[in-house]
N, C-alpha and C. Protein backbone atom coordinates (compact mmCIF):
# COMPACT_ATOMS: atom_id res chain seq x y z
N MET A 1 134.67 -117.55 188.42
CA MET A 1 134.55 -117.29 187.00
C MET A 1 135.15 -115.74 186.72
N GLU A 2 136.19 -115.70 185.60
CA GLU A 2 136.25 -114.23 185.27
C GLU A 2 135.18 -113.25 184.67
N ASN A 3 135.16 -112.40 185.33
CA ASN A 3 134.18 -111.19 184.93
C ASN A 3 134.45 -110.76 183.64
N THR A 4 133.88 -111.35 182.28
CA THR A 4 134.02 -110.68 181.05
C THR A 4 133.05 -109.15 180.37
N GLU A 5 132.22 -108.81 181.45
CA GLU A 5 132.14 -107.42 180.87
C GLU A 5 132.58 -106.13 180.92
N GLU A 6 132.10 -105.20 180.02
CA GLU A 6 133.09 -103.99 179.76
C GLU A 6 133.13 -103.50 180.41
N LYS A 7 133.93 -102.48 181.01
CA LYS A 7 134.35 -101.53 181.78
C LYS A 7 134.06 -100.53 181.58
N GLU A 8 133.69 -99.09 182.23
CA GLU A 8 133.87 -97.86 181.76
C GLU A 8 135.38 -97.30 181.86
N GLY A 9 135.99 -96.70 180.72
CA GLY A 9 137.13 -96.86 180.92
C GLY A 9 138.29 -97.81 180.46
N SER A 10 137.81 -98.75 180.35
CA SER A 10 138.42 -99.88 180.06
C SER A 10 139.16 -99.71 178.44
N PRO A 11 139.64 -100.43 177.84
CA PRO A 11 140.60 -100.70 176.21
C PRO A 11 139.38 -100.75 175.51
N THR A 12 138.57 -101.41 175.96
CA THR A 12 136.94 -101.67 175.02
C THR A 12 136.25 -100.50 174.96
N GLU A 13 135.82 -99.73 176.01
CA GLU A 13 135.21 -98.81 175.76
C GLU A 13 135.88 -97.72 175.35
N SER A 14 137.45 -97.97 175.11
CA SER A 14 138.14 -96.59 174.47
C SER A 14 138.02 -96.77 172.79
N GLY A 15 138.28 -98.41 172.57
CA GLY A 15 138.51 -98.87 171.18
C GLY A 15 136.80 -98.22 170.67
N LYS A 16 135.84 -98.58 171.42
CA LYS A 16 134.37 -98.09 171.10
C LYS A 16 134.63 -96.42 170.38
N LEU A 17 135.02 -95.56 171.14
CA LEU A 17 134.86 -94.15 171.19
C LEU A 17 135.69 -94.23 170.03
N GLU A 18 136.99 -94.76 169.87
CA GLU A 18 137.60 -94.74 168.43
C GLU A 18 137.29 -94.94 166.94
N LEU A 19 136.14 -96.08 167.57
CA LEU A 19 135.62 -96.74 166.04
C LEU A 19 134.29 -95.52 165.87
N LEU A 20 133.87 -95.09 166.80
CA LEU A 20 132.61 -93.99 166.72
C LEU A 20 133.84 -92.93 165.88
N ARG A 21 134.58 -92.48 166.28
CA ARG A 21 135.43 -91.68 165.49
C ARG A 21 135.72 -91.68 164.02
N GLN A 22 136.03 -93.08 163.64
CA GLN A 22 135.86 -93.23 162.50
C GLN A 22 134.45 -93.28 161.85
N VAL A 23 133.97 -93.71 162.27
CA VAL A 23 132.50 -93.72 161.89
C VAL A 23 132.00 -92.26 161.12
N ALA A 24 132.15 -91.32 162.21
CA ALA A 24 131.66 -90.11 162.17
C ALA A 24 132.31 -89.48 161.06
N THR A 25 133.77 -89.67 161.16
CA THR A 25 134.67 -89.11 159.50
C THR A 25 133.88 -89.52 158.32
N GLY A 26 133.85 -90.97 158.48
CA GLY A 26 133.42 -91.51 156.88
C GLY A 26 131.66 -90.78 156.45
N ILE A 27 130.72 -90.90 157.31
CA ILE A 27 129.75 -90.21 157.37
C ILE A 27 129.86 -88.76 156.96
N ALA A 28 130.45 -87.69 157.46
CA ALA A 28 131.02 -86.26 156.99
C ALA A 28 131.79 -86.66 155.70
N ALA A 29 132.38 -87.35 155.21
CA ALA A 29 133.15 -87.60 154.12
C ALA A 29 132.34 -87.89 153.12
N GLN A 30 131.65 -88.74 153.37
CA GLN A 30 129.74 -89.12 152.29
C GLN A 30 129.48 -88.18 151.94
N PHE A 31 128.95 -87.26 152.88
CA PHE A 31 127.58 -86.36 153.15
C PHE A 31 128.38 -84.64 152.45
N GLY A 32 129.32 -84.28 153.09
CA GLY A 32 130.39 -83.25 152.55
C GLY A 32 130.08 -82.49 153.47
N SER A 33 131.17 -81.11 153.03
CA SER A 33 130.85 -79.84 154.02
C SER A 33 129.84 -79.60 154.94
N ASP A 34 128.37 -79.71 154.40
CA ASP A 34 127.37 -79.53 154.99
C ASP A 34 126.74 -80.65 156.33
N CYS A 35 127.49 -81.25 156.26
CA CYS A 35 127.20 -82.42 157.37
C CYS A 35 128.03 -82.82 158.49
N GLU A 36 127.53 -82.11 159.32
CA GLU A 36 128.50 -82.25 161.05
C GLU A 36 127.93 -83.53 161.76
N VAL A 37 129.38 -84.20 161.75
CA VAL A 37 129.08 -85.50 162.58
C VAL A 37 129.86 -85.49 164.33
N VAL A 38 128.79 -85.31 165.18
CA VAL A 38 129.56 -85.41 166.38
C VAL A 38 129.68 -86.53 167.66
N VAL A 39 130.53 -86.76 168.10
CA VAL A 39 130.62 -87.92 169.38
C VAL A 39 131.03 -87.08 171.26
N HIS A 40 130.12 -87.82 171.38
CA HIS A 40 129.71 -87.02 173.05
C HIS A 40 130.25 -88.46 174.06
N ASP A 41 131.32 -88.41 174.84
CA ASP A 41 131.71 -88.90 175.79
C ASP A 41 130.58 -88.40 176.89
N LEU A 42 129.85 -89.51 177.57
CA LEU A 42 129.19 -89.14 178.51
C LEU A 42 130.10 -89.81 179.60
N SER A 43 130.84 -90.09 179.82
CA SER A 43 131.54 -90.17 180.72
C SER A 43 132.49 -89.10 181.40
N ARG A 44 132.37 -87.67 180.27
CA ARG A 44 132.99 -86.75 180.78
C ARG A 44 131.84 -85.63 181.51
N HIS A 45 132.45 -84.20 181.53
CA HIS A 45 131.81 -83.62 182.07
C HIS A 45 130.87 -82.94 181.38
N PRO A 46 129.32 -82.51 181.18
CA PRO A 46 128.66 -81.85 180.51
C PRO A 46 129.25 -80.93 179.66
N ASP A 47 130.07 -80.19 180.05
CA ASP A 47 130.73 -78.81 179.83
C ASP A 47 131.90 -79.41 178.65
N HIS A 48 132.16 -80.43 178.83
CA HIS A 48 133.66 -80.89 177.62
C HIS A 48 133.19 -82.11 177.19
N SER A 49 131.70 -82.67 176.69
CA SER A 49 131.49 -83.83 176.33
C SER A 49 131.49 -84.20 175.02
N ILE A 50 132.21 -83.24 173.97
CA ILE A 50 132.44 -83.04 172.71
C ILE A 50 133.88 -83.81 172.38
N VAL A 51 133.89 -85.32 172.07
CA VAL A 51 135.32 -85.64 171.79
C VAL A 51 136.00 -85.57 170.51
N HIS A 52 135.13 -85.74 169.78
CA HIS A 52 135.32 -85.91 168.17
C HIS A 52 134.32 -84.77 167.33
N ILE A 53 134.37 -84.16 166.52
CA ILE A 53 133.55 -83.07 165.30
C ILE A 53 134.15 -83.43 164.41
N VAL A 54 133.15 -83.25 163.44
CA VAL A 54 133.98 -83.16 161.76
C VAL A 54 132.64 -81.93 161.12
N ASN A 55 133.52 -81.29 160.50
CA ASN A 55 132.32 -80.30 159.68
C ASN A 55 131.84 -79.24 161.03
N GLY A 56 132.42 -79.20 162.02
CA GLY A 56 131.74 -78.21 163.43
C GLY A 56 131.60 -76.85 162.95
N HIS A 57 132.07 -76.47 161.61
CA HIS A 57 131.51 -75.03 161.49
C HIS A 57 129.94 -74.75 161.00
N VAL A 58 129.75 -76.18 161.11
CA VAL A 58 128.22 -76.28 160.83
C VAL A 58 127.01 -75.53 162.19
N SER A 59 127.43 -76.42 163.04
CA SER A 59 127.01 -75.44 164.29
C SER A 59 128.16 -74.25 165.43
N GLY A 60 129.38 -74.30 164.97
CA GLY A 60 130.24 -73.25 165.34
C GLY A 60 130.98 -74.07 166.66
N ARG A 61 130.63 -75.18 166.75
CA ARG A 61 131.25 -75.90 168.14
C ARG A 61 132.44 -76.64 167.52
N LYS A 62 133.24 -77.67 168.59
CA LYS A 62 134.85 -78.15 168.13
C LYS A 62 134.98 -78.97 169.77
N VAL A 63 136.19 -79.40 169.84
CA VAL A 63 136.39 -80.83 170.60
C VAL A 63 136.66 -80.07 171.40
N GLY A 64 135.77 -80.36 172.51
CA GLY A 64 135.99 -79.80 174.26
C GLY A 64 134.99 -79.16 174.53
N ASP A 65 134.31 -78.58 173.75
CA ASP A 65 133.22 -77.92 174.16
C ASP A 65 132.05 -78.50 174.73
N GLY A 66 130.88 -77.72 175.42
CA GLY A 66 129.99 -78.58 176.20
C GLY A 66 128.67 -79.23 175.15
N ALA A 67 127.60 -79.92 176.18
CA ALA A 67 126.87 -81.02 175.40
C ALA A 67 125.61 -79.57 175.31
N SER A 68 124.82 -80.49 174.16
CA SER A 68 123.59 -79.95 173.46
C SER A 68 122.58 -80.17 174.44
N THR A 69 121.34 -79.77 174.22
CA THR A 69 120.02 -79.87 174.76
C THR A 69 119.91 -81.43 174.95
N VAL A 70 120.15 -82.12 173.71
CA VAL A 70 120.14 -83.35 173.76
C VAL A 70 120.51 -84.33 174.32
N VAL A 71 121.80 -84.12 174.98
CA VAL A 71 122.98 -84.35 175.60
C VAL A 71 122.37 -84.59 177.04
N LEU A 72 121.93 -83.28 177.50
CA LEU A 72 122.22 -83.20 178.76
C LEU A 72 120.57 -83.50 179.05
N GLU A 73 119.84 -83.84 178.26
CA GLU A 73 118.31 -84.55 179.23
C GLU A 73 118.77 -85.75 179.20
N GLN A 74 119.59 -86.08 178.50
CA GLN A 74 120.20 -88.28 178.41
C GLN A 74 120.80 -88.08 179.98
N MET A 75 121.42 -87.19 180.61
CA MET A 75 122.48 -86.89 181.51
C MET A 75 121.19 -87.00 182.49
N GLU A 76 120.55 -86.08 182.62
CA GLU A 76 119.58 -85.74 183.30
C GLU A 76 118.67 -86.75 184.00
N SER A 77 118.25 -87.43 182.64
CA SER A 77 117.22 -88.44 182.97
C SER A 77 117.85 -89.74 183.48
N ASN A 78 119.00 -90.00 182.63
CA ASN A 78 119.59 -91.20 182.73
C ASN A 78 118.66 -92.37 182.15
N ASP A 79 118.04 -92.53 181.41
CA ASP A 79 117.07 -92.98 180.76
C ASP A 79 117.78 -94.45 180.14
N PRO A 80 117.70 -95.54 180.69
CA PRO A 80 118.67 -96.75 180.53
C PRO A 80 118.62 -97.58 179.02
N GLU A 81 117.18 -96.75 178.50
CA GLU A 81 116.70 -97.39 177.26
C GLU A 81 115.91 -96.58 176.36
N PRO A 82 116.99 -95.27 176.50
CA PRO A 82 116.81 -94.28 175.44
C PRO A 82 116.17 -94.37 173.87
N LYS A 83 115.39 -94.19 173.35
CA LYS A 83 114.83 -94.23 171.93
C LYS A 83 115.63 -93.37 171.04
N ASP A 84 116.28 -94.11 169.51
CA ASP A 84 117.18 -92.66 169.17
C ASP A 84 116.32 -91.99 168.38
N HIS A 85 117.08 -91.02 168.34
CA HIS A 85 115.82 -89.63 167.62
C HIS A 85 116.48 -89.43 166.07
N LEU A 86 115.86 -89.99 164.95
CA LEU A 86 115.89 -89.64 164.28
C LEU A 86 115.28 -88.76 163.11
N CYS A 87 115.90 -88.09 162.53
CA CYS A 87 115.53 -86.94 161.34
C CYS A 87 114.03 -86.18 162.00
N TYR A 88 115.24 -85.24 162.68
CA TYR A 88 114.33 -84.05 163.15
C TYR A 88 115.27 -82.54 163.31
N LEU A 89 114.02 -81.51 163.38
CA LEU A 89 114.66 -80.61 162.83
C LEU A 89 115.26 -79.97 164.01
N THR A 90 116.41 -78.95 163.73
CA THR A 90 117.23 -78.42 164.92
C THR A 90 117.76 -77.25 163.93
N LYS A 91 117.78 -75.65 164.66
CA LYS A 91 118.10 -74.60 164.60
C LYS A 91 119.42 -73.94 165.04
N THR A 92 120.40 -73.62 164.41
CA THR A 92 121.64 -72.88 164.80
C THR A 92 121.50 -71.59 165.48
N PRO A 93 122.21 -71.06 166.41
CA PRO A 93 122.39 -69.72 166.85
C PRO A 93 122.16 -68.86 165.57
N ASP A 94 122.83 -69.29 164.71
CA ASP A 94 123.01 -68.22 163.45
C ASP A 94 121.86 -68.27 162.54
N GLY A 95 120.79 -69.07 162.62
CA GLY A 95 119.86 -69.63 162.20
C GLY A 95 119.76 -70.35 160.89
N LYS A 96 120.54 -71.69 161.05
CA LYS A 96 120.60 -72.80 160.26
C LYS A 96 119.75 -73.50 160.31
N ILE A 97 119.31 -74.35 159.55
CA ILE A 97 117.99 -75.18 159.77
C ILE A 97 118.66 -76.83 159.62
N LEU A 98 118.69 -77.45 160.42
CA LEU A 98 119.67 -78.82 159.93
C LEU A 98 118.70 -79.99 160.42
N LYS A 99 119.06 -80.64 159.70
CA LYS A 99 117.88 -82.15 159.45
C LYS A 99 119.01 -82.98 160.28
N SER A 100 118.20 -83.49 161.54
CA SER A 100 119.42 -84.10 162.58
C SER A 100 119.03 -85.80 163.37
N SER A 101 120.18 -86.09 163.71
CA SER A 101 119.13 -88.02 164.05
C SER A 101 120.56 -87.52 165.06
N THR A 102 120.29 -88.34 166.51
CA THR A 102 120.82 -88.55 167.82
C THR A 102 120.64 -89.92 167.91
N VAL A 103 121.97 -90.81 167.77
CA VAL A 103 122.04 -92.21 167.87
C VAL A 103 122.64 -92.29 169.10
N TYR A 104 122.16 -93.18 170.32
CA TYR A 104 122.68 -93.63 172.05
C TYR A 104 123.47 -94.98 171.55
N ILE A 105 124.52 -94.63 172.21
CA ILE A 105 125.80 -95.85 171.86
C ILE A 105 125.78 -96.58 173.87
N ARG A 106 125.54 -97.66 173.71
CA ARG A 106 125.40 -98.46 175.25
C ARG A 106 126.82 -99.35 175.49
N ASN A 107 127.65 -99.33 176.65
CA ASN A 107 128.59 -100.18 177.04
C ASN A 107 127.87 -101.68 177.16
N GLY A 108 129.04 -102.42 177.27
CA GLY A 108 128.72 -103.68 177.69
C GLY A 108 127.73 -104.02 179.07
N LYS A 109 127.55 -103.09 179.57
CA LYS A 109 126.47 -103.26 180.93
C LYS A 109 125.27 -102.61 180.25
N GLY A 110 125.07 -102.13 179.06
CA GLY A 110 123.77 -101.76 178.45
C GLY A 110 123.58 -100.24 178.71
N ARG A 111 123.94 -99.81 179.38
CA ARG A 111 124.37 -98.16 179.77
C ARG A 111 124.74 -96.93 178.55
N VAL A 112 123.93 -96.16 178.42
CA VAL A 112 124.48 -95.25 177.33
C VAL A 112 125.78 -94.53 177.94
N SER A 113 126.56 -94.71 177.12
CA SER A 113 127.91 -94.22 177.16
C SER A 113 128.45 -93.19 176.36
N ALA A 114 127.88 -92.98 175.30
CA ALA A 114 128.26 -92.24 173.82
C ALA A 114 126.68 -92.04 172.81
N ILE A 115 127.03 -90.74 172.65
CA ILE A 115 126.03 -90.36 171.91
C ILE A 115 126.75 -89.90 170.58
N LEU A 116 125.71 -90.57 169.37
CA LEU A 116 126.38 -90.05 168.06
C LEU A 116 125.47 -89.34 167.36
N SER A 117 125.87 -87.83 166.88
CA SER A 117 125.19 -86.77 166.20
C SER A 117 125.08 -86.50 164.91
N ILE A 118 124.18 -86.48 164.02
CA ILE A 118 124.38 -85.84 162.76
C ILE A 118 123.44 -84.76 162.36
N ASN A 119 124.08 -83.87 162.16
CA ASN A 119 123.30 -82.65 161.70
C ASN A 119 123.49 -82.10 160.57
N TYR A 120 122.48 -82.43 159.37
CA TYR A 120 122.94 -81.88 158.07
C TYR A 120 121.94 -80.65 157.78
N ASP A 121 122.90 -79.31 157.27
CA ASP A 121 122.89 -78.33 156.97
C ASP A 121 121.74 -78.27 155.95
N ILE A 122 120.41 -78.34 155.80
CA ILE A 122 119.37 -78.13 154.53
C ILE A 122 118.90 -76.88 153.99
N SER A 123 119.70 -75.80 154.54
CA SER A 123 119.27 -74.71 154.51
C SER A 123 119.32 -74.01 153.59
N ARG A 124 119.91 -74.35 152.02
CA ARG A 124 120.42 -74.47 151.26
C ARG A 124 118.88 -75.29 150.20
N LEU A 125 118.97 -76.02 151.11
CA LEU A 125 118.23 -77.09 150.26
C LEU A 125 116.47 -76.38 150.34
N LEU A 126 116.12 -76.21 151.74
CA LEU A 126 114.82 -75.86 151.55
C LEU A 126 114.58 -74.84 150.98
N MET A 127 115.13 -74.05 149.70
CA MET A 127 114.97 -73.03 148.82
C MET A 127 114.37 -73.52 147.86
N VAL A 128 115.17 -74.87 147.16
CA VAL A 128 114.23 -75.63 146.59
C VAL A 128 113.99 -77.11 147.09
N GLU A 129 112.96 -77.11 147.93
CA GLU A 129 112.41 -78.04 148.44
C GLU A 129 111.30 -78.64 147.71
N GLY A 130 111.21 -78.43 146.46
CA GLY A 130 109.90 -78.79 145.61
C GLY A 130 111.10 -80.41 144.96
N ALA A 131 111.79 -80.04 144.53
CA ALA A 131 112.49 -80.72 144.00
C ALA A 131 113.62 -81.38 144.41
N LEU A 132 113.78 -81.34 146.00
CA LEU A 132 114.64 -82.41 146.56
C LEU A 132 113.45 -82.89 147.82
N ARG A 133 112.48 -82.74 147.33
CA ARG A 133 111.77 -83.00 149.01
C ARG A 133 111.69 -84.16 149.43
N GLU A 134 112.28 -85.22 148.72
CA GLU A 134 112.29 -86.46 149.30
C GLU A 134 113.44 -86.67 150.49
N LEU A 135 114.59 -85.70 150.29
CA LEU A 135 115.75 -86.02 150.90
C LEU A 135 115.26 -84.90 152.00
N VAL A 136 114.74 -83.47 152.08
CA VAL A 136 114.35 -83.23 153.34
C VAL A 136 113.24 -83.35 154.28
N THR A 137 112.68 -84.28 153.89
CA THR A 137 111.41 -84.61 154.56
C THR A 137 111.72 -85.77 155.89
N THR A 138 111.44 -84.76 156.55
CA THR A 138 111.53 -85.38 158.78
C THR A 138 110.43 -86.35 158.61
N GLN A 139 110.64 -87.57 159.53
CA GLN A 139 109.66 -88.55 159.67
C GLN A 139 108.58 -87.96 161.04
N GLU A 140 109.06 -86.93 161.74
CA GLU A 140 108.24 -86.61 162.44
C GLU A 140 107.24 -85.37 162.07
N PRO A 141 105.69 -85.03 162.71
CA PRO A 141 105.27 -84.06 162.37
C PRO A 141 106.00 -82.64 162.37
N ALA A 142 105.36 -81.65 161.09
CA ALA A 142 105.97 -80.59 161.14
C ALA A 142 105.78 -80.10 162.34
N GLN A 143 107.23 -79.09 162.75
CA GLN A 143 107.36 -78.29 164.01
C GLN A 143 107.51 -76.55 164.20
N SER A 144 106.34 -76.11 165.03
CA SER A 144 106.46 -74.67 164.56
C SER A 144 107.58 -74.27 164.90
N GLU A 145 108.19 -74.35 164.93
CA GLU A 145 109.84 -73.66 166.31
C GLU A 145 110.84 -74.83 166.10
N PRO A 146 111.88 -75.48 165.27
CA PRO A 146 113.03 -76.39 165.42
C PRO A 146 113.62 -75.81 166.55
N GLU A 147 113.96 -77.38 167.22
CA GLU A 147 114.91 -77.25 168.31
C GLU A 147 116.36 -76.51 168.04
N LYS A 148 116.61 -75.88 169.23
CA LYS A 148 117.98 -75.22 168.79
C LYS A 148 119.18 -76.23 169.23
N ILE A 149 120.26 -76.11 168.52
CA ILE A 149 121.28 -76.59 168.77
C ILE A 149 122.54 -75.72 169.57
N VAL A 150 122.72 -75.72 170.89
CA VAL A 150 123.43 -74.51 171.66
C VAL A 150 124.30 -74.94 172.62
N ASN A 151 125.75 -74.26 172.74
CA ASN A 151 126.67 -74.41 173.71
C ASN A 151 126.03 -75.01 174.75
N VAL A 152 126.77 -75.48 175.87
CA VAL A 152 126.08 -75.57 177.62
C VAL A 152 126.32 -73.91 177.72
N ASN A 153 127.33 -73.10 177.47
CA ASN A 153 126.88 -72.22 178.28
C ASN A 153 125.95 -71.31 177.63
N ASP A 154 125.60 -71.32 176.56
CA ASP A 154 124.50 -70.43 175.79
C ASP A 154 123.12 -71.02 176.68
N LEU A 155 123.26 -72.55 176.67
CA LEU A 155 121.72 -73.45 177.09
C LEU A 155 121.45 -73.08 178.38
N LEU A 156 122.24 -72.30 179.42
CA LEU A 156 121.92 -71.81 180.84
C LEU A 156 120.82 -70.46 180.22
N GLU A 157 121.44 -69.72 180.07
CA GLU A 157 120.73 -68.44 179.76
C GLU A 157 119.69 -68.51 178.59
N ASP A 158 119.61 -69.69 178.14
CA ASP A 158 117.99 -69.81 176.99
C ASP A 158 117.38 -70.57 177.76
N LEU A 159 117.60 -71.26 178.74
CA LEU A 159 116.80 -72.41 179.89
C LEU A 159 116.05 -71.12 180.84
N ILE A 160 117.12 -70.28 181.40
CA ILE A 160 116.20 -68.81 182.02
C ILE A 160 115.34 -68.25 181.53
N GLN A 161 115.81 -68.28 180.11
CA GLN A 161 114.43 -67.49 179.30
C GLN A 161 113.26 -68.09 179.44
N GLN A 162 112.92 -69.43 179.02
CA GLN A 162 112.21 -70.32 178.80
C GLN A 162 111.36 -70.33 180.23
N SER A 163 112.12 -70.21 181.22
CA SER A 163 111.44 -70.76 182.93
C SER A 163 110.74 -68.84 182.87
N VAL A 164 110.80 -67.83 182.71
CA VAL A 164 110.64 -66.68 182.50
C VAL A 164 109.42 -66.33 181.78
N ALA A 165 109.49 -66.88 180.52
CA ALA A 165 108.09 -66.84 179.79
C ALA A 165 107.39 -67.96 180.26
N LEU A 166 107.53 -69.38 180.87
CA LEU A 166 106.72 -70.07 181.52
C LEU A 166 105.90 -69.30 182.68
N VAL A 167 106.45 -68.62 183.35
CA VAL A 167 105.79 -68.18 184.58
C VAL A 167 104.90 -66.87 183.94
N GLY A 168 105.57 -66.42 182.90
CA GLY A 168 104.64 -65.06 181.88
C GLY A 168 104.86 -63.86 182.71
N LYS A 169 105.80 -63.42 183.37
CA LYS A 169 106.45 -62.16 184.13
C LYS A 169 107.61 -62.18 184.13
N PRO A 170 108.37 -60.70 184.73
CA PRO A 170 109.23 -60.66 184.60
C PRO A 170 109.78 -60.32 186.07
N VAL A 171 111.17 -61.00 186.44
CA VAL A 171 111.45 -61.47 187.59
C VAL A 171 111.21 -60.66 188.80
N ALA A 172 111.15 -59.01 188.14
CA ALA A 172 110.64 -58.39 189.54
C ALA A 172 109.50 -58.22 189.90
N LEU A 173 108.51 -58.89 189.06
CA LEU A 173 106.99 -59.05 189.49
C LEU A 173 106.56 -60.33 189.96
N MET A 174 107.83 -61.17 190.02
CA MET A 174 107.47 -62.16 190.47
C MET A 174 107.55 -62.54 192.32
N ASN A 175 106.65 -63.60 192.61
CA ASN A 175 106.15 -63.73 193.79
C ASN A 175 107.29 -65.00 194.18
N LYS A 176 106.77 -65.78 195.46
CA LYS A 176 107.36 -66.67 195.53
C LYS A 176 106.97 -68.08 194.56
N ASP A 177 106.02 -67.95 194.72
CA ASP A 177 105.24 -69.10 193.94
C ASP A 177 105.67 -69.38 192.40
N ASP A 178 105.92 -67.94 192.11
CA ASP A 178 105.88 -67.71 190.56
C ASP A 178 107.87 -68.88 190.40
N LYS A 179 108.64 -68.23 191.61
CA LYS A 179 110.08 -68.34 191.12
C LYS A 179 109.98 -69.89 191.55
N VAL A 180 109.39 -70.17 192.24
CA VAL A 180 109.69 -71.74 192.56
C VAL A 180 109.17 -72.27 191.15
N ARG A 181 108.42 -71.94 190.43
CA ARG A 181 107.63 -72.74 189.34
C ARG A 181 108.89 -72.49 187.86
N ALA A 182 109.39 -71.58 188.33
CA ALA A 182 110.51 -70.86 187.28
C ALA A 182 112.07 -71.89 187.88
N ILE A 183 111.62 -72.38 188.73
CA ILE A 183 113.03 -72.81 188.96
C ILE A 183 113.03 -74.09 188.81
N ARG A 184 111.91 -74.99 189.57
CA ARG A 184 111.56 -76.37 188.87
C ARG A 184 111.59 -76.58 187.74
N PHE A 185 111.11 -75.78 186.47
CA PHE A 185 111.44 -75.96 185.21
C PHE A 185 112.80 -76.24 184.86
N LEU A 186 113.77 -75.19 185.45
CA LEU A 186 115.07 -75.09 185.01
C LEU A 186 115.87 -76.44 185.70
N ASN A 187 115.01 -77.33 186.94
CA ASN A 187 115.75 -78.24 187.66
C ASN A 187 115.12 -79.31 186.60
N GLN A 188 114.21 -79.61 185.99
CA GLN A 188 113.47 -80.37 185.45
C GLN A 188 114.01 -80.83 184.08
N ASN A 189 114.86 -79.34 183.61
CA ASN A 189 115.51 -79.67 182.23
C ASN A 189 117.24 -79.38 182.09
N GLY A 190 117.34 -79.63 183.22
CA GLY A 190 119.12 -79.90 183.17
C GLY A 190 120.12 -79.14 183.57
N ALA A 191 119.08 -77.08 183.88
CA ALA A 191 119.60 -76.57 184.23
C ALA A 191 120.94 -76.31 185.00
N PHE A 192 120.91 -77.26 186.07
CA PHE A 192 121.47 -77.13 187.54
C PHE A 192 122.94 -78.37 187.10
N LEU A 193 122.87 -79.35 185.42
CA LEU A 193 123.99 -79.69 184.96
C LEU A 193 124.89 -78.71 184.95
N VAL A 194 124.95 -77.54 184.56
CA VAL A 194 125.58 -76.51 183.75
C VAL A 194 127.08 -76.28 185.49
N THR A 195 128.33 -75.99 185.00
CA THR A 195 129.03 -75.46 186.33
C THR A 195 128.53 -74.03 186.45
N LYS A 196 128.53 -74.24 187.72
CA LYS A 196 128.21 -72.67 188.50
C LYS A 196 126.97 -72.37 188.20
N SER A 197 125.84 -73.22 187.71
CA SER A 197 124.84 -72.46 187.37
C SER A 197 123.61 -72.05 188.34
N GLY A 198 124.30 -72.40 189.84
CA GLY A 198 123.19 -72.20 190.99
C GLY A 198 123.71 -70.64 190.87
N ASP A 199 124.86 -70.30 191.47
CA ASP A 199 125.32 -69.02 191.03
C ASP A 199 124.51 -68.46 190.71
N LYS A 200 124.45 -68.22 189.34
CA LYS A 200 123.80 -67.67 188.21
C LYS A 200 122.78 -67.54 188.17
N ILE A 201 121.60 -68.61 188.81
CA ILE A 201 120.54 -68.76 188.68
C ILE A 201 119.94 -68.19 189.97
N ALA A 202 120.61 -68.40 191.22
CA ALA A 202 120.45 -67.63 192.46
C ALA A 202 120.36 -65.95 192.50
N LYS A 203 121.76 -65.57 191.52
CA LYS A 203 121.56 -63.86 191.00
C LYS A 203 120.43 -63.62 190.12
N TYR A 204 120.13 -64.10 189.30
CA TYR A 204 119.01 -64.03 188.62
C TYR A 204 117.55 -63.45 188.68
N PHE A 205 117.33 -64.68 189.67
CA PHE A 205 116.21 -64.30 190.52
C PHE A 205 115.90 -63.49 191.93
N GLY A 206 116.96 -63.16 192.80
CA GLY A 206 117.08 -62.42 193.35
C GLY A 206 117.42 -63.13 194.57
N ILE A 207 117.74 -64.52 194.80
CA ILE A 207 117.44 -65.09 195.96
C ILE A 207 118.81 -65.74 196.34
N SER A 208 118.93 -66.40 197.68
CA SER A 208 120.35 -66.85 198.36
C SER A 208 120.61 -68.45 197.26
N LYS A 209 121.45 -68.81 197.27
CA LYS A 209 121.62 -70.17 197.18
C LYS A 209 120.85 -71.09 197.95
N TYR A 210 121.15 -70.90 199.27
CA TYR A 210 120.13 -71.47 200.33
C TYR A 210 118.79 -71.60 199.86
N THR A 211 118.34 -70.25 199.84
CA THR A 211 117.07 -70.31 199.27
C THR A 211 116.64 -71.39 198.05
N LEU A 212 117.54 -70.95 196.53
CA LEU A 212 117.09 -71.49 195.62
C LEU A 212 117.01 -73.23 196.15
N TYR A 213 118.17 -73.87 196.55
CA TYR A 213 117.78 -75.26 196.70
C TYR A 213 116.88 -75.80 197.23
N SER A 214 116.12 -74.70 198.07
CA SER A 214 115.29 -74.95 199.35
C SER A 214 113.78 -74.99 198.69
N TYR A 215 113.70 -74.39 197.45
CA TYR A 215 112.90 -74.18 196.61
C TYR A 215 112.58 -75.85 195.81
N ILE A 216 114.06 -75.84 195.20
CA ILE A 216 114.03 -77.41 194.34
C ILE A 216 113.24 -78.38 195.42
N ASP A 217 114.18 -78.66 196.81
CA ASP A 217 113.66 -79.76 197.94
C ASP A 217 112.24 -79.33 197.93
N THR A 218 111.55 -77.98 198.38
CA THR A 218 110.22 -78.16 198.37
C THR A 218 109.73 -79.04 197.34
N LYS A 219 109.51 -78.66 196.14
CA LYS A 219 109.11 -79.35 194.94
C LYS A 219 109.29 -81.07 195.02
N GLN A 220 110.44 -81.09 195.53
CA GLN A 220 110.96 -82.40 195.37
C GLN A 220 109.75 -83.50 196.47
N GLN A 221 109.87 -82.72 197.40
CA GLN A 221 109.01 -83.67 198.71
C GLN A 221 107.80 -83.64 198.44
N GLU A 222 107.10 -82.21 197.72
CA GLU A 222 105.86 -82.35 197.00
C GLU A 222 105.63 -83.12 196.41
N GLY A 223 106.37 -83.78 195.26
CA GLY A 223 106.50 -84.65 194.50
C GLY A 223 106.28 -85.98 195.00
N LYS A 224 106.87 -86.29 196.27
CA LYS A 224 106.82 -87.47 196.81
C LYS A 224 105.47 -87.53 197.62
N THR A 225 104.78 -86.68 198.35
CA THR A 225 103.66 -86.61 198.84
C THR A 225 102.28 -86.47 198.10
N VAL A 226 102.60 -86.45 196.61
CA VAL A 226 101.01 -86.17 196.13
C VAL A 226 100.74 -88.25 196.37
């Protein structure tokens, strides 16, 4: 019997990406220049996952740019049934507050092959929140600090700083256990998906790449024996 399932890279998959481009353009046209809509192709390297973007000035991104935190998390976890993340707050590097939604698109085999992201700049609306409360209210509890939308090149630096903050001391004062803890955090949050991240992380923590990956292997082995 002929296999009629969709295959990655097939015309059907290409047609799906083209449909997402059309949908993205329509959404952005409906809501205006403050509404950024992004299509990520997960078959691409995370450094270049954006295949379509409308109103990229909102976050400063363009076609060919890398993945956001949300996309890296999906690539890292490879969750076969992720739940769409709707109406949450994000923040751009220049301080804009966005109301965002992330929709996971599956291929014929049920695997997530693309992501449609909608980011609406509500910075100006927040100044008149009383009159426009219904439009800017999110479905999640208020966050003390909105999530950041960053390019993949900036994401690694941000994750490294988070790992240092997690340990609570500068690298110069870290012992082996501190560095293992920091590197474990980086591994769990997709830092090693970034191109040449191993070199940068090893240099930052003052260790060799062999030591770096031995720290990761050590933690993975400990996780298996617990």
